[in-house]
Amino acid sequence: MATILVVDDAAFMRMRCAKLLKDNGHDVIEAENGAQALKVYQEVKPHAVLLDITMPEMDGLAALKALKQIDPNAKVAMVTAMGQQAMVMDALKSGAKDFVLKPFDSDRVLNAVNKLLTR
């Protein structure tokens, strides 16, 4: 299938998302913050990225903007908690293709990834 980069500072969320994606045939690479995600993205060139918004060191919005500079065609969906609508709108304006609310529904994550991969 595809290689998906999962970026979240919470190990539990990364593990849960990675298991779901692997169970559905995808390869998964993980990063725990935006800075690490940029490094991994450049090394691996994944097909799509699931990017948490709120993280230490480099948040998801800054990472999204940097990813789009590195690769204008980067396919990114934001992962966000409730109450971050303004940040989600900023992310969509900055090039994110979709967003998933935490705690996430498995079908919603898979739909977001499929949407990214078919664009």
C-alpha atoms as a PDB file:
ATOM      1  CA  MET A   1       0.000   0.000   0.000  1.00  0.00           C
ATOM      2  CA  ALA A   2       1.528   3.301   1.108  1.00  0.00           C
ATOM      3  CA  THR A   3       4.049   4.669   3.588  1.00  0.00           C
ATOM      4  CA  ILE A   4       2.433   6.968   6.151  1.00  0.00           C
ATOM      5  CA  LEU A   5       4.297   9.259   8.554  1.00  0.00           C
ATOM      6  CA  VAL A   6       2.447   9.557  11.880  1.00  0.00           C
ATOM      7  CA  VAL A   7       3.522  12.589  13.931  1.00  0.00           C
ATOM      8  CA  ASP A   8       2.304  12.982  17.517  1.00  0.00           C
ATOM      9  CA  ASP A   9       4.042  13.757  20.805  1.00  0.00           C
ATOM     10  CA  ALA A  10       1.860  11.185  22.599  1.00  0.00           C
ATOM     11  CA  ALA A  11       3.374   7.711  22.168  1.00  0.00           C
ATOM     12  CA  PHE A  12      -0.014   6.105  22.822  1.00  0.00           C
ATOM     13  CA  MET A  13      -1.624   8.025  19.941  1.00  0.00           C
ATOM     14  CA  ARG A  14       1.231   7.129  17.579  1.00  0.00           C
ATOM     15  CA  MET A  15       1.009   3.459  18.530  1.00  0.00           C
ATOM     16  CA  ARG A  16      -2.772   3.373  18.159  1.00  0.00           C
ATOM     17  CA  CYS A  17      -2.684   5.091  14.777  1.00  0.00           C
ATOM     18  CA  ALA A  18       0.275   3.018  13.553  1.00  0.00           C
ATOM     19  CA  LYS A  19      -1.472  -0.245  14.479  1.00  0.00           C
ATOM     20  CA  LEU A  20      -4.629   0.805  12.640  1.00  0.00           C
ATOM     21  CA  LEU A  21      -2.695   1.747   9.505  1.00  0.00           C
ATOM     22  CA  LYS A  22      -0.494  -1.381   9.578  1.00  0.00           C
ATOM     23  CA  ASP A  23      -3.579  -3.574  10.060  1.00  0.00           C
ATOM     24  CA  ASN A  24      -4.897  -1.994   6.855  1.00  0.00           C
ATOM     25  CA  GLY A  25      -1.779  -2.737   4.823  1.00  0.00           C
ATOM     26  CA  HIS A  26       0.232   0.475   5.154  1.00  0.00           C
ATOM     27  CA  ASP A  27       3.846   0.940   6.211  1.00  0.00           C
ATOM     28  CA  VAL A  28       4.192   3.414   9.080  1.00  0.00           C
ATOM     29  CA  ILE A  29       7.014   5.673  10.205  1.00  0.00           C
ATOM     30  CA  GLU A  30       6.677   7.670  13.422  1.00  0.00           C
ATOM     31  CA  ALA A  31       7.939  11.024  14.682  1.00  0.00           C
ATOM     32  CA  GLU A  32       7.284  12.650  18.049  1.00  0.00           C
ATOM     33  CA  ASN A  33       7.434  16.321  17.021  1.00  0.00           C
ATOM     34  CA  GLY A  34       7.473  18.584  14.006  1.00  0.00           C
ATOM     35  CA  ALA A  35      11.254  18.953  13.858  1.00  0.00           C
ATOM     36  CA  GLN A  36      11.738  15.185  13.834  1.00  0.00           C
ATOM     37  CA  ALA A  37       8.952  14.872  11.246  1.00  0.00           C
ATOM     38  CA  LEU A  38      10.779  17.190   8.836  1.00  0.00           C
ATOM     39  CA  LYS A  39      13.948  15.130   9.119  1.00  0.00           C
ATOM     40  CA  VAL A  40      12.112  11.832   8.650  1.00  0.00           C
ATOM     41  CA  TYR A  41      10.065  13.219   5.748  1.00  0.00           C
ATOM     42  CA  GLN A  42      13.187  14.215   3.846  1.00  0.00           C
ATOM     43  CA  GLU A  43      14.832  10.825   4.466  1.00  0.00           C
ATOM     44  CA  VAL A  44      11.850   8.590   3.673  1.00  0.00           C
ATOM     45  CA  LYS A  45       9.532  10.652   1.426  1.00  0.00           C
ATOM     46  CA  PRO A  46       6.298   9.065   2.718  1.00  0.00           C
ATOM     47  CA  HIS A  47       3.142   9.021   0.608  1.00  0.00           C
ATOM     48  CA  ALA A  48       1.121  10.865   3.283  1.00  0.00           C
ATOM     49  CA  VAL A  49       1.454  12.475   6.728  1.00  0.00           C
ATOM     50  CA  LEU A  50      -0.868  12.499   9.738  1.00  0.00           C
ATOM     51  CA  LEU A  51       0.317  15.506  11.728  1.00  0.00           C
ATOM     52  CA  ASP A  52      -0.744  16.455  15.261  1.00  0.00           C
ATOM     53  CA  ILE A  53      -1.195  20.191  15.801  1.00  0.00           C
ATOM     54  CA  THR A  54      -0.154  20.602  19.434  1.00  0.00           C
ATOM     55  CA  MET A  55       3.387  19.339  20.078  1.00  0.00           C
ATOM     56  CA  PRO A  56       6.534  20.587  21.822  1.00  0.00           C
ATOM     57  CA  GLU A  57       9.658  21.748  19.955  1.00  0.00           C
ATOM     58  CA  MET A  58       7.814  22.435  16.671  1.00  0.00           C
ATOM     59  CA  ASP A  59       4.030  22.382  16.497  1.00  0.00           C
ATOM     60  CA  GLY A  60       2.048  20.925  13.638  1.00  0.00           C
ATOM     61  CA  LEU A  61       1.273  24.242  11.944  1.00  0.00           C
ATOM     62  CA  ALA A  62       4.947  25.212  11.767  1.00  0.00           C
ATOM     63  CA  ALA A  63       5.828  21.701  10.594  1.00  0.00           C
ATOM     64  CA  LEU A  64       3.099  21.807   7.914  1.00  0.00           C
ATOM     65  CA  LYS A  65       4.386  25.107   6.543  1.00  0.00           C
ATOM     66  CA  ALA A  66       7.976  23.791   6.526  1.00  0.00           C
ATOM     67  CA  LEU A  67       6.892  20.528   4.846  1.00  0.00           C
ATOM     68  CA  LYS A  68       5.115  22.486   2.114  1.00  0.00           C
ATOM     69  CA  GLN A  69       8.317  24.478   1.492  1.00  0.00           C
ATOM     70  CA  ILE A  70      10.330  21.248   1.232  1.00  0.00           C
ATOM     71  CA  ASP A  71       7.688  19.520  -0.896  1.00  0.00           C
ATOM     72  CA  PRO A  72       4.755  21.566  -2.213  1.00  0.00           C
ATOM     73  CA  ASN A  73       3.039  18.270  -3.084  1.00  0.00           C
ATOM     74  CA  ALA A  74       3.223  16.850   0.459  1.00  0.00           C
ATOM     75  CA  LYS A  75      -0.087  15.200   1.367  1.00  0.00           C
ATOM     76  CA  VAL A  76      -0.913  16.105   4.959  1.00  0.00           C
ATOM     77  CA  ALA A  77      -3.930  15.628   7.229  1.00  0.00           C
ATOM     78  CA  MET A  78      -3.950  17.352  10.610  1.00  0.00           C
ATOM     79  CA  VAL A  79      -4.873  15.529  13.807  1.00  0.00           C
ATOM     80  CA  THR A  80      -6.443  17.789  16.403  1.00  0.00           C
ATOM     81  CA  ALA A  81      -8.358  17.873  19.656  1.00  0.00           C
ATOM     82  CA  MET A  82     -11.740  19.518  19.929  1.00  0.00           C
ATOM     83  CA  GLY A  83     -11.705  23.293  20.302  1.00  0.00           C
ATOM     84  CA  GLN A  84      -8.868  23.979  17.853  1.00  0.00           C
ATOM     85  CA  GLN A  85     -11.044  25.077  14.927  1.00  0.00           C
ATOM     86  CA  ALA A  86      -9.052  28.254  14.273  1.00  0.00           C
ATOM     87  CA  MET A  87      -5.835  26.219  14.052  1.00  0.00           C
ATOM     88  CA  VAL A  88      -7.521  23.721  11.725  1.00  0.00           C
ATOM     89  CA  MET A  89      -8.642  26.540   9.423  1.00  0.00           C
ATOM     90  CA  ASP A  90      -5.089  27.942   9.405  1.00  0.00           C
ATOM     91  CA  ALA A  91      -3.755  24.468   8.579  1.00  0.00           C
ATOM     92  CA  LEU A  92      -6.214  24.017   5.702  1.00  0.00           C
ATOM     93  CA  LYS A  93      -5.226  27.435   4.314  1.00  0.00           C
ATOM     94  CA  SER A  94      -1.567  26.399   4.632  1.00  0.00           C
ATOM     95  CA  GLY A  95      -2.010  23.264   2.553  1.00  0.00           C
ATOM     96  CA  ALA A  96      -3.419  20.505   4.758  1.00  0.00           C
ATOM     97  CA  LYS A  97      -5.912  18.406   2.814  1.00  0.00           C
ATOM     98  CA  ASP A  98      -8.003  17.100   5.712  1.00  0.00           C
ATOM     99  CA  PHE A  99      -8.227  16.853   9.487  1.00  0.00           C
ATOM    100  CA  VAL A 100      -9.097  14.165  12.030  1.00  0.00           C
ATOM    101  CA  LEU A 101     -10.471  14.926  15.492  1.00  0.00           C
ATOM    102  CA  LYS A 102      -9.060  13.231  18.602  1.00  0.00           C
ATOM    103  CA  PRO A 103      -9.955  10.891  20.060  1.00  0.00           C
ATOM    104  CA  PHE A 104     -10.114   9.556  16.547  1.00  0.00           C
ATOM    105  CA  ASP A 105     -12.547   7.140  14.993  1.00  0.00           C
ATOM    106  CA  SER A 106     -10.740   4.378  13.080  1.00  0.00           C
ATOM    107  CA  ASP A 107     -12.904   4.747   9.976  1.00  0.00           C
ATOM    108  CA  ARG A 108     -12.314   8.515   9.951  1.00  0.00           C
ATOM    109  CA  VAL A 109      -8.527   8.022  10.017  1.00  0.00           C
ATOM    110  CA  LEU A 110      -8.677   5.486   7.189  1.00  0.00           C
ATOM    111  CA  ASN A 111     -10.953   7.764   5.151  1.00  0.00           C
ATOM    112  CA  ALA A 112      -8.537  10.696   5.643  1.00  0.00           C
ATOM    113  CA  VAL A 113      -5.568   8.579   4.551  1.00  0.00           C
ATOM    114  CA  ASN A 114      -7.446   7.247   1.516  1.00  0.00           C
ATOM    115  CA  LYS A 115      -8.438  10.803   0.596  1.00  0.00           C
ATOM    116  CA  LEU A 116      -4.782  11.897   0.789  1.00  0.00           C
ATOM    117  CA  LEU A 117      -3.598   8.965  -1.319  1.00  0.00           C
ATOM    118  CA  THR A 118      -6.152   9.462  -4.081  1.00  0.00           C
ATOM    119  CA  ARG A 119      -5.373  13.152  -4.674  1.00  0.00           C
END
